[in-house]
Amino acid sequence: MDKLTLPIATLISCSLLFAEESTSAKSSDAAQEKSPWEFSATTSAAYYPETEHHRGATHFSGFSSPYDGVEVVVEFDAAYSLPFLRGNDEFTADNHVTFNMGLEISPVTIAPIAQITVSPIAFLELAIGGTAGTGWNTFGLFQGMAKYSAIEPEYKDLTPFAHWYLYGWASACLMFDLAALWEGDWHHVVATATYKAGYQKLTGTEADVWIWRTTDGLASGWVYEQEYFVGYQMPLKLSMIGIGATLSGHYKSSDYGNYSSNYKGDFMTIDIWSMAEIALSKKDKLYVLLDFESRRSFHEKYKDIEHEPLMTYSGREWIFYMLGIQWKHVF
C-alpha cells in the first residue's frame, strides 16, 4: 500500500457548499432561525488493489493483485456559524464565519483539528486551519508515525505522544453554479477550484523522510494542493455526480535533504477521480469515489517502500488507486 489517506473529505468540501447555499437562498429567514451549531460524524473507508511498480518512463500499470489494503477513519466535528459582513444583495446576503473543532481517529493515529472558514462573498470561501496528531504501530504491521533510516534501510517507529505530526494550512475555494444565472432544479451545473497551501512537520526527529498514518515518503516543508471539480446536482437520491482532479506536492525538492535529487522531492502527484453523492436522508449523505493516481516511476527495478527514497526517479506511473466511500451523519 503506497499511502493510507482519504482525499474524499477535502475533494468534496466545496461541492457541499452548493447544497447549503441553495437552501439558504430559497429562504434566508429560515436560515437565520436555524441553530448556529452543527454536530456531525464522518466515517471514511477506502479499498486499495495492489499494483506492482514497473520501471521506466511515464506509463500505465494494471492490477497485480485484487487486494493491497483497506483504510477506515472516523472524524467527529462541532461547527459554530455566525453571520459575517452580510449585505442586502444576493452576493453577500448569506456571508458567514464558521468555527470548526474536530477529532480524527484511525487505527494508528489520533489528531484534533481546528479550522475557521469565512465567506466574504457567495462564490468564495477562505479557510485557515491546523492539526496536531500522534501515532503508533498496530500489530507490528501498520505504522502510524515513523522516521526513515537509510542504513538498514527501514522506517523506525516513533514514540506516541513524544512526537507529533503538525500541519497548518490556508485555502481558498471558488464556486460556480449555473442555476445562479438560469434558475431551475435541473440547472445545477456546478464547478469548484480550490488552492490550499500549508506547512507540515514531524517533531523530535532530524530524519528527512518519514511516515504519517502509514503514508510513506513524506517530508517536512511547505506543501500545496490544487483541486478542480465539475459536477451536476440533481433533485434526486443520487443528488450529485462529477469528475475532478487533485494536484499536490512540495514547493521545494530540497525538503527531502540527501534524497532530493534522485527521488525528485518536488514531484507532483496527480489524482483523476469521479464522485457520486447520494442523499440517504436529511441528515445522512453517502459519497462514492473512484480514484486514478500517478506516482513516481523509477530507473531501477523496484524493491519495496524502504528502498524507494534511495532510488532514481524516471517518470510517472498511472494506476487505479482506490475505491473510497464516505458517510456523513449530522446529529
Foldseek 3Di string as FASTA:
>chain_A
DQAADDCVCVQCVVVVVVVVLVVCVVPVPVVVVDAQKWKKKKKKKWFWFDWFFDFFAEDETEGPGGGDDMWIKMKIKMKGKDQDPADDDSFRPRWIKMWMWMWMDTPWKIKIKTKIWTRRTNFKIKMKIKIKMWTADDPVPAAAKFFFDLPVTDTHHDDTPVKIKIKIKIKMKGKDFQCVVVPDQFRGWMKMKMKMKMWIDIPDDPGLWMDHRRNGGDFTAIKMKIKIKIWTAHPAQQGMKIKMKMKMFHPDLCSSPPLSQFLVRRDIKMKIKIKIWGDPDPFKIKMKMWIKIKDFHFNDRDDDSSCNSVTGTHYIYIYRTIIMMMMMGID
